[in-house]
């Protein structure tokens, strides 16, 4: 058999398995997104009627996660995206199949009981495990392990955000951290399968804002937003690392879970906008920006939320919750964007479009957290419903990442000395 024929067969096998991984990963991501949104909305409705329950909801969620981890998942902690890095860097370090169900359940429980993270990283690790499992059991060439892991991740992110480009870029620039023809082939295939599936089931996008214009006079304020976004991203990264270090120093797991539950519960009682992934707060903010003028109390609330969301997320993770930086980073960015726009409009008569600053702030902080410019720009395109703010988004994202790297060169995922 000639070499070209072997290569073609190898590529065909990769495409076939990428389709399978894409389908399974999309199903997982879509079902997790749907049930989590449904239960989070139901719980929020009840908790708003009985605010005192905010104080105990996180304790229920973190306790359930601890019990499941101890008795159902061999007492092994979920370490997020670092688990994927380990399996890609070490051939013998595999993602066990149970990681699919453990991240699925733990991500769900974390968010619906108020843990201040999102399901994105839970989805990423679970779908990466689908890809790794397909590689092990499908007798696919050893060199295609990274390709199938990336295929799962690309499909999962596509299903969550309705953006194939975000899925492809995230898989390559954050997960595999390299570009190659085969990785591009597997991610494009899986993302295309995912997009087709969510298109035919008419799945709503996570955010579907309609933005049609921006003005050049916003440029100086975008620069300010970018620098602040980079600083907030670094604050988030350091908060996660610091809290995890302190949590690991607590010898009693009951003290760790109890302390985290108490902090989150009190934070939710006074700031219910922090509940779960807080995407409901972003949607509400976007829909009501025309109703908000500069008000000191409202601006202070925005500042508090922008700072508390990353901290609450860090404590959630330190207490054993499942999640990552996606939702907290974007929510903090949305609050920061409104804060900058309203302040500039009030004091400088800048005439800024507040909705633009919400979307750009979201992707700028996220970019600073993950050092993923292409992913962030692709999400800006998707969230805004078109290319209207693509240019300012690119500018703000690049400056935010530059600022974050200047202040602190690591992300939560790349900091090798972080507590395990």
Protein backbone atom coordinates (compact mmCIF):
# COMPACT_ATOMS: atom_id res chain seq x y z
CA UNK A 1 0.00 0.00 0.00
CA UNK A 2 1.51 3.33 -1.04
CA UNK A 3 2.12 6.11 1.44
CA UNK A 4 -0.49 8.48 -0.03
CA UNK A 5 -3.23 5.88 0.31
CA UNK A 6 -2.29 5.24 3.94
CA UNK A 7 -2.45 8.98 4.65
CA UNK A 8 -5.87 9.27 2.97
CA UNK A 9 -7.24 6.39 5.00
CA UNK A 10 -5.79 7.90 8.14
CA UNK A 11 -7.47 11.23 7.40
CA UNK A 12 -10.76 9.50 6.61
CA UNK A 13 -10.61 7.71 9.97
CA UNK A 14 -9.89 11.01 11.72
CA UNK A 15 -12.85 12.71 10.01
CA UNK A 16 -15.17 9.83 10.84
CA UNK A 17 -14.25 9.84 14.51
CA UNK A 18 -14.40 13.64 14.62
CA UNK A 19 -18.00 13.44 13.40
CA UNK A 20 -18.85 10.90 16.11
CA UNK A 21 -17.09 12.89 18.82
CA UNK A 22 -18.77 16.06 17.60
CA UNK A 23 -22.23 14.53 17.80
CA UNK A 24 -21.73 13.10 21.30
CA UNK A 25 -20.10 16.28 22.59
CA UNK A 26 -22.89 18.45 21.21
CA UNK A 27 -25.51 16.27 22.85
CA UNK A 28 -23.68 16.49 26.17
CA UNK A 29 -23.15 20.26 26.00
CA UNK A 30 -26.67 21.01 24.84
CA UNK A 31 -28.39 18.88 27.47
CA UNK A 32 -26.19 20.26 30.25
CA UNK A 33 -26.86 23.82 29.12
CA UNK A 34 -30.62 23.23 28.86
CA UNK A 35 -31.18 21.52 32.19
CA UNK A 36 -28.86 23.89 34.03
CA UNK A 37 -30.63 26.98 32.67
CA UNK A 38 -34.01 25.45 33.48
CA UNK A 39 -33.20 24.53 37.08
CA UNK A 40 -31.23 27.72 37.73
CA UNK A 41 -34.23 29.81 36.64
CA UNK A 42 -36.61 27.76 38.79
CA UNK A 43 -34.36 27.96 41.84
CA UNK A 44 -33.86 31.70 41.40
CA UNK A 45 -37.60 32.24 41.24
CA UNK A 46 -38.10 30.44 44.55
CA UNK A 47 -35.08 32.04 46.22
CA UNK A 48 -36.31 35.51 45.31
CA UNK A 49 -39.49 34.66 47.22
CA UNK A 50 -37.50 33.30 50.18
CA UNK A 51 -34.21 35.30 50.26
CA UNK A 52 -32.97 33.58 53.43
CA UNK A 53 -32.48 30.42 51.36
CA UNK A 54 -29.60 32.14 49.56
CA UNK A 55 -27.61 31.54 52.73
CA UNK A 56 -27.92 27.75 52.58
CA UNK A 57 -28.18 26.95 48.85
CA UNK A 58 -24.38 26.88 48.24
CA UNK A 59 -23.89 24.57 51.23
CA UNK A 60 -26.32 22.07 49.70
CA UNK A 61 -24.56 22.13 46.35
CA UNK A 62 -20.99 21.86 47.66
CA UNK A 63 -21.97 19.13 50.13
CA UNK A 64 -23.61 17.05 47.41
CA UNK A 65 -20.51 17.45 45.23
CA UNK A 66 -18.26 16.33 48.08
CA UNK A 67 -20.41 13.28 48.82
CA UNK A 68 -20.49 12.27 45.15
CA UNK A 69 -16.75 12.78 44.79
CA UNK A 70 -15.99 10.68 47.84
CA UNK A 71 -18.35 7.79 47.24
CA UNK A 72 -18.99 7.74 43.48
CA UNK A 73 -15.80 9.11 41.91
CA UNK A 74 -13.03 7.47 43.98
CA UNK A 75 -12.46 10.66 45.99
CA UNK A 76 -10.62 12.22 43.05
CA UNK A 77 -10.84 15.95 42.62
CA UNK A 78 -11.68 17.56 39.29
CA UNK A 79 -8.82 19.85 38.27
CA UNK A 80 -10.41 21.49 35.25
CA UNK A 81 -8.52 22.20 32.05
CA UNK A 82 -5.22 21.16 33.64
CA UNK A 83 -6.50 17.59 33.36
CA UNK A 84 -6.59 18.02 29.59
CA UNK A 85 -3.08 19.48 29.51
CA UNK A 86 -1.81 16.49 31.49
CA UNK A 87 -3.31 13.97 29.11
CA UNK A 88 -1.98 15.79 26.05
CA UNK A 89 1.53 16.11 27.47
CA UNK A 90 1.86 12.59 28.89
CA UNK A 91 0.89 9.57 26.83
CA UNK A 92 0.24 7.44 29.90
CA UNK A 93 -1.90 10.06 31.61
CA UNK A 94 -5.40 9.41 30.30
CA UNK A 95 -8.69 11.13 31.01
CA UNK A 96 -10.75 8.36 32.64
CA UNK A 97 -14.21 7.91 31.19
CA UNK A 98 -15.92 8.70 34.50
CA UNK A 99 -14.76 12.32 34.04
CA UNK A 100 -17.62 12.74 31.59
CA UNK A 101 -20.31 12.10 34.14
CA UNK A 102 -18.44 13.64 37.09
CA UNK A 103 -17.95 17.02 35.39
CA UNK A 104 -21.48 16.89 33.97
CA UNK A 105 -23.10 16.33 37.38
CA UNK A 106 -20.74 18.52 39.39
CA UNK A 107 -21.02 21.42 36.95
CA UNK A 108 -24.81 21.17 37.07
CA UNK A 109 -24.94 21.03 40.88
CA UNK A 110 -22.46 23.88 41.29
CA UNK A 111 -24.44 26.34 39.19
CA UNK A 112 -28.03 25.52 40.18
CA UNK A 113 -27.21 25.83 43.89
CA UNK A 114 -25.64 29.23 43.42
CA UNK A 115 -21.94 28.42 43.02
CA UNK A 116 -20.67 31.50 41.20
CA UNK A 117 -19.19 29.81 38.13
CA UNK A 118 -20.57 28.43 34.85
CA UNK A 119 -20.78 25.10 33.06
CA UNK A 120 -18.27 25.99 30.33
CA UNK A 121 -15.17 24.36 31.83
CA UNK A 122 -17.22 21.39 33.03
CA UNK A 123 -18.35 20.99 29.43
CA UNK A 124 -14.84 21.43 28.07
CA UNK A 125 -13.33 18.70 30.24
CA UNK A 126 -16.27 16.32 29.71
CA UNK A 127 -16.16 16.73 25.93
CA UNK A 128 -12.37 16.43 25.90
CA UNK A 129 -12.85 13.13 27.72
CA UNK A 130 -15.26 12.00 25.01
CA UNK A 131 -12.52 12.68 22.46
CA UNK A 132 -9.87 10.91 24.54
CA UNK A 133 -12.15 7.91 25.06
CA UNK A 134 -12.88 7.68 21.33
CA UNK A 135 -9.14 7.70 20.68
CA UNK A 136 -8.50 4.88 23.14
CA UNK A 137 -11.36 2.64 22.09
CA UNK A 138 -11.45 3.37 18.41
CA UNK A 139 -7.93 2.27 17.55
CA UNK A 140 -7.25 5.67 16.04
CA UNK A 141 -3.60 6.46 15.35
CA UNK A 142 -1.72 7.42 18.49
CA UNK A 143 -0.72 10.76 16.98
CA UNK A 144 -4.41 11.77 16.69
CA UNK A 145 -5.08 11.92 20.43
CA UNK A 146 -4.82 15.71 20.54
CA UNK A 147 -6.99 15.97 17.43
CA UNK A 148 -9.91 14.08 18.94
CA UNK A 149 -9.62 15.85 22.29
CA UNK A 150 -9.72 19.16 20.41
CA UNK A 151 -12.67 17.93 18.34
CA UNK A 152 -14.70 17.29 21.49
CA UNK A 153 -13.86 20.68 22.94
CA UNK A 154 -14.62 22.51 19.67
CA UNK A 155 -18.04 20.86 19.45
CA UNK A 156 -18.82 21.56 23.10
CA UNK A 157 -18.00 25.28 22.89
CA UNK A 158 -19.90 25.55 19.60
CA UNK A 159 -22.98 24.04 21.23
CA UNK A 160 -22.80 26.31 24.27
CA UNK A 161 -22.31 29.61 22.44
CA UNK A 162 -23.62 28.91 18.95
CA UNK A 163 -20.24 29.90 17.49
CA UNK A 164 -18.24 27.36 15.46
CA UNK A 165 -15.35 29.80 15.17
CA UNK A 166 -15.16 30.21 18.95
CA UNK A 167 -15.14 26.43 19.31
CA UNK A 168 -12.36 25.97 16.76
CA UNK A 169 -10.21 28.81 18.06
CA UNK A 170 -10.60 27.86 21.72
CA UNK A 171 -9.65 24.26 20.99
CA UNK A 172 -6.49 25.34 19.19
CA UNK A 173 -5.23 28.42 21.03
CA UNK A 174 -6.16 27.40 24.60
CA UNK A 175 -6.40 23.58 24.65
CA UNK A 176 -3.86 22.15 22.20
CA UNK A 177 -1.94 25.46 22.02
CA UNK A 178 -0.74 24.64 18.54
CA UNK A 179 -2.01 24.78 14.97
CA UNK A 180 -1.68 21.92 12.52
CA UNK A 181 -3.49 20.59 9.48
CA UNK A 182 -4.90 17.59 11.33
CA UNK A 183 -6.06 19.60 14.35
CA UNK A 184 -7.73 22.06 12.00
CA UNK A 185 -9.39 19.17 10.16
CA UNK A 186 -10.75 17.55 13.33
CA UNK A 187 -11.97 20.79 14.96
CA UNK A 188 -13.62 22.14 11.82
CA UNK A 189 -15.38 18.81 11.28
CA UNK A 190 -16.63 18.56 14.86
CA UNK A 191 -17.66 22.24 15.04
CA UNK A 192 -19.55 21.93 11.75
CA UNK A 193 -21.40 18.87 13.04
CA UNK A 194 -22.23 20.72 16.25
CA UNK A 195 -23.46 23.81 14.42
CA UNK A 196 -25.69 21.71 12.17
CA UNK A 197 -27.20 19.92 15.15
CA UNK A 198 -28.03 23.11 17.08
CA UNK A 199 -29.31 24.70 13.86
CA UNK A 200 -31.78 21.89 13.22
CA UNK A 201 -33.04 21.80 16.80
CA UNK A 202 -33.30 25.61 16.67
CA UNK A 203 -31.32 26.08 19.85
CA UNK A 204 -31.23 29.66 21.12
CA UNK A 205 -27.83 31.28 21.45
CA UNK A 206 -26.62 32.05 24.96
CA UNK A 207 -26.56 35.76 24.14
CA UNK A 208 -28.31 37.24 21.12
CA UNK A 209 -27.71 40.97 21.31
CA UNK A 210 -28.35 43.16 18.29
CA UNK A 211 -25.63 45.76 17.78
CA UNK A 212 -25.48 47.74 14.57
CA UNK A 213 -22.95 50.55 15.02
CA UNK A 214 -20.12 52.10 16.94
CA UNK A 215 -18.47 55.52 16.83
CA UNK A 216 -14.78 56.46 16.62
CA UNK A 217 -15.12 58.82 19.59
CA UNK A 218 -15.34 55.69 21.75
CA UNK A 219 -11.68 54.77 21.05
CA UNK A 220 -10.09 56.46 24.12
CA UNK A 221 -12.67 54.90 26.40
CA UNK A 222 -12.16 51.49 24.80
CA UNK A 223 -8.49 51.85 25.67
CA UNK A 224 -9.46 52.55 29.28
CA UNK A 225 -11.83 49.58 29.27
CA UNK A 226 -9.09 47.36 27.83
CA UNK A 227 -6.57 48.28 30.51
CA UNK A 228 -9.12 47.81 33.28
CA UNK A 229 -10.22 44.49 31.75
CA UNK A 230 -6.64 43.22 31.77
CA UNK A 231 -6.28 44.26 35.40
CA UNK A 232 -9.55 42.56 36.40
CA UNK A 233 -8.46 39.39 34.57
CA UNK A 234 -5.22 39.31 36.56
CA UNK A 235 -7.13 39.97 39.77
CA UNK A 236 -9.33 36.98 38.93
CA UNK A 237 -6.37 34.73 38.18
CA UNK A 238 -4.58 35.65 41.39
CA UNK A 239 -7.78 35.28 43.40
CA UNK A 240 -8.28 31.72 42.15
CA UNK A 241 -4.68 30.74 42.86
CA UNK A 242 -4.69 32.37 46.31
CA UNK A 243 -8.01 30.85 47.38
CA UNK A 244 -7.02 27.38 46.16
CA UNK A 245 -3.77 27.61 48.07
CA UNK A 246 -5.56 28.61 51.26
CA UNK A 247 -8.24 25.97 50.77
CA UNK A 248 -5.64 23.24 50.31
CA UNK A 249 -4.04 24.28 53.59
CA UNK A 250 -7.27 23.51 55.43
CA UNK A 251 -6.87 19.97 56.73
CA UNK A 252 -10.56 19.41 57.29
CA UNK A 253 -12.72 19.14 54.18
CA UNK A 254 -15.73 20.06 56.31
CA UNK A 255 -14.11 23.36 57.29
CA UNK A 256 -13.24 24.03 53.64
CA UNK A 257 -16.74 23.33 52.37
CA UNK A 258 -18.31 25.17 55.30
CA UNK A 259 -16.17 28.28 54.91
CA UNK A 260 -16.79 28.45 51.16
CA UNK A 261 -20.53 27.91 51.63
CA UNK A 262 -20.74 30.65 54.24
CA UNK A 263 -18.88 33.19 52.11
CA UNK A 264 -20.90 32.44 48.97
CA UNK A 265 -24.21 32.34 50.85
CA UNK A 266 -23.65 35.75 52.46
CA UNK A 267 -22.51 37.20 49.12
CA UNK A 268 -25.65 35.90 47.41
CA UNK A 269 -27.91 37.21 50.16
CA UNK A 270 -26.66 40.75 49.63
CA UNK A 271 -25.93 40.45 45.90
CA UNK A 272 -28.30 37.89 44.31
CA UNK A 273 -26.94 38.95 40.89
CA UNK A 274 -23.96 36.68 41.69
CA UNK A 275 -26.13 33.53 41.74
CA UNK A 276 -24.89 30.73 39.49
CA UNK A 277 -23.39 31.80 36.19
CA UNK A 278 -25.04 35.26 36.51
CA UNK A 279 -25.92 35.33 32.82
CA UNK A 280 -29.42 36.37 33.87
CA UNK A 281 -27.88 39.54 35.30
CA UNK A 282 -26.08 40.31 32.03
CA UNK A 283 -29.25 39.86 29.96
CA UNK A 284 -31.20 42.07 32.35
CA UNK A 285 -28.46 44.69 32.27
CA UNK A 286 -28.36 44.74 28.48
CA UNK A 287 -32.13 45.01 28.19
CA UNK A 288 -32.37 47.87 30.68
CA UNK A 289 -29.37 50.04 29.85
CA UNK A 290 -31.60 52.71 28.33
CA UNK A 291 -33.34 52.95 31.71
CA UNK A 292 -30.09 53.61 33.59
CA UNK A 293 -28.47 57.00 33.86
CA UNK A 294 -25.46 57.75 36.03
CA UNK A 295 -26.36 57.07 39.62
CA UNK A 296 -23.78 56.74 42.39
CA UNK A 297 -25.49 53.78 44.04
CA UNK A 298 -25.89 51.94 40.73
CA UNK A 299 -22.27 52.61 39.73
CA UNK A 300 -21.05 51.37 43.12
CA UNK A 301 -23.17 48.24 42.65
CA UNK A 302 -21.56 47.63 39.25
CA UNK A 303 -18.09 48.06 40.74
CA UNK A 304 -18.92 45.69 43.58
CA UNK A 305 -20.26 43.04 41.20
CA UNK A 306 -17.24 43.35 38.90
CA UNK A 307 -14.95 42.64 41.86
CA UNK A 308 -17.11 40.16 43.77
CA UNK A 309 -17.97 37.87 40.85
CA UNK A 310 -14.36 36.70 40.33
CA UNK A 311 -13.85 36.37 44.08
CA UNK A 312 -17.06 34.39 44.56
CA UNK A 313 -16.04 32.15 41.67
CA UNK A 314 -12.61 31.60 43.24
CA UNK A 315 -14.19 30.65 46.57
CA UNK A 316 -16.61 28.31 44.79
CA UNK A 317 -13.71 26.51 43.13
CA UNK A 318 -11.73 26.45 46.36
CA UNK A 319 -14.70 24.89 48.13
CA UNK A 320 -14.85 22.03 45.64
CA UNK A 321 -17.24 23.42 43.05
CA UNK A 322 -16.83 22.63 39.38
CA UNK A 323 -16.24 25.41 36.88
CA UNK A 324 -13.75 27.88 35.51
CA UNK A 325 -13.20 31.44 34.35
CA UNK A 326 -15.60 31.74 31.39
CA UNK A 327 -18.82 32.90 33.05
CA UNK A 328 -17.27 34.89 35.91
CA UNK A 329 -14.87 36.63 33.53
CA UNK A 330 -17.58 37.63 31.07
CA UNK A 331 -19.98 38.75 33.78
CA UNK A 332 -17.30 40.89 35.46
CA UNK A 333 -16.49 42.34 32.03
CA UNK A 334 -20.12 43.24 31.37
CA UNK A 335 -20.35 45.09 34.68
CA UNK A 336 -17.06 46.84 33.99
CA UNK A 337 -18.21 47.87 30.52
CA UNK A 338 -21.38 49.51 31.81
CA UNK A 339 -19.42 51.19 34.59
CA UNK A 340 -16.95 52.76 32.13
CA UNK A 341 -19.63 53.81 29.64
CA UNK A 342 -22.00 55.40 32.17
CA UNK A 343 -19.16 57.22 33.92
CA UNK A 344 -17.76 58.56 30.65
CA UNK A 345 -21.19 59.65 29.45
CA UNK A 346 -21.86 61.46 32.71
CA UNK A 347 -18.55 63.23 33.28
CA UNK A 348 -17.20 63.55 29.73
CA UNK A 349 -20.45 63.75 27.76
CA UNK A 350 -18.91 60.99 25.61
CA UNK A 351 -22.13 59.74 23.98
CA UNK A 352 -21.01 56.10 24.27
CA UNK A 353 -23.32 53.24 23.31
CA UNK A 354 -23.57 51.32 26.58
CA UNK A 355 -24.58 48.03 24.93
CA UNK A 356 -21.36 48.02 22.92
CA UNK A 357 -19.33 48.33 26.09
CA UNK A 358 -21.20 45.43 27.67
CA UNK A 359 -20.23 43.01 24.88
CA UNK A 360 -16.69 44.32 24.45
CA UNK A 361 -16.12 44.29 28.20
CA UNK A 362 -17.29 40.67 28.37
CA UNK A 363 -14.86 39.40 25.76
CA UNK A 364 -11.99 41.65 26.91
CA UNK A 365 -11.93 40.27 30.47
CA UNK A 366 -12.37 36.74 29.16
CA UNK A 367 -9.46 37.24 26.78
CA UNK A 368 -7.30 38.47 29.63
CA UNK A 369 -8.25 35.40 31.68
CA UNK A 370 -7.51 32.77 29.03
CA UNK A 371 -5.07 34.63 26.74
CA UNK A 372 -7.25 33.63 23.80
CA UNK A 373 -7.72 36.58 21.44
CA UNK A 374 -9.27 34.67 18.55
CA UNK A 375 -11.80 32.98 20.83
CA UNK A 376 -12.78 36.30 22.37
CA UNK A 377 -13.19 38.08 19.03
CA UNK A 378 -15.27 35.20 17.66
CA UNK A 379 -17.56 35.45 20.69
CA UNK A 380 -17.87 39.21 20.22
CA UNK A 381 -19.01 38.58 16.65
CA UNK A 382 -21.57 36.02 17.83
CA UNK A 383 -22.89 37.97 20.82
CA UNK A 384 -23.33 41.19 18.83
CA UNK A 385 -25.07 39.47 15.92
CA UNK A 386 -22.60 40.55 13.25
CA UNK A 387 -19.39 42.43 12.43
CA UNK A 388 -20.50 45.89 13.62
CA UNK A 389 -18.13 46.03 16.61
CA UNK A 390 -15.47 43.66 15.31
CA UNK A 391 -12.79 46.33 14.94
CA UNK A 392 -13.17 47.84 18.44
CA UNK A 393 -13.43 44.34 19.88
CA UNK A 394 -10.12 43.30 18.28
CA UNK A 395 -8.42 46.43 19.59
CA UNK A 396 -9.78 46.07 23.13
CA UNK A 397 -9.06 42.34 23.33
CA UNK A 398 -5.44 42.76 22.22
CA UNK A 399 -4.78 45.60 24.67
CA UNK A 400 -6.48 43.67 27.48
CA UNK A 401 -4.30 40.62 26.87
CA UNK A 402 -1.21 42.78 26.62
CA UNK A 403 -2.07 44.46 29.92
CA UNK A 404 -2.77 41.12 31.61
CA UNK A 405 0.52 39.63 30.38
CA UNK A 406 2.40 42.71 31.53
CA UNK A 407 0.92 42.53 35.01
CA UNK A 408 1.09 38.74 35.34
CA UNK A 409 2.25 36.37 32.59
CA UNK A 410 0.17 33.36 33.67
CA UNK A 411 -3.43 32.26 33.47
CA UNK A 412 -5.16 29.93 35.92
CA UNK A 413 -4.40 27.13 33.48
CA UNK A 414 -0.77 27.92 32.68
CA UNK A 415 0.45 28.57 36.20
CA UNK A 416 2.32 25.35 36.86
CA UNK A 417 2.98 25.97 40.54
CA UNK A 418 -0.70 26.28 41.41
CA UNK A 419 -2.02 24.02 44.13
CA UNK A 420 -3.13 20.67 42.77
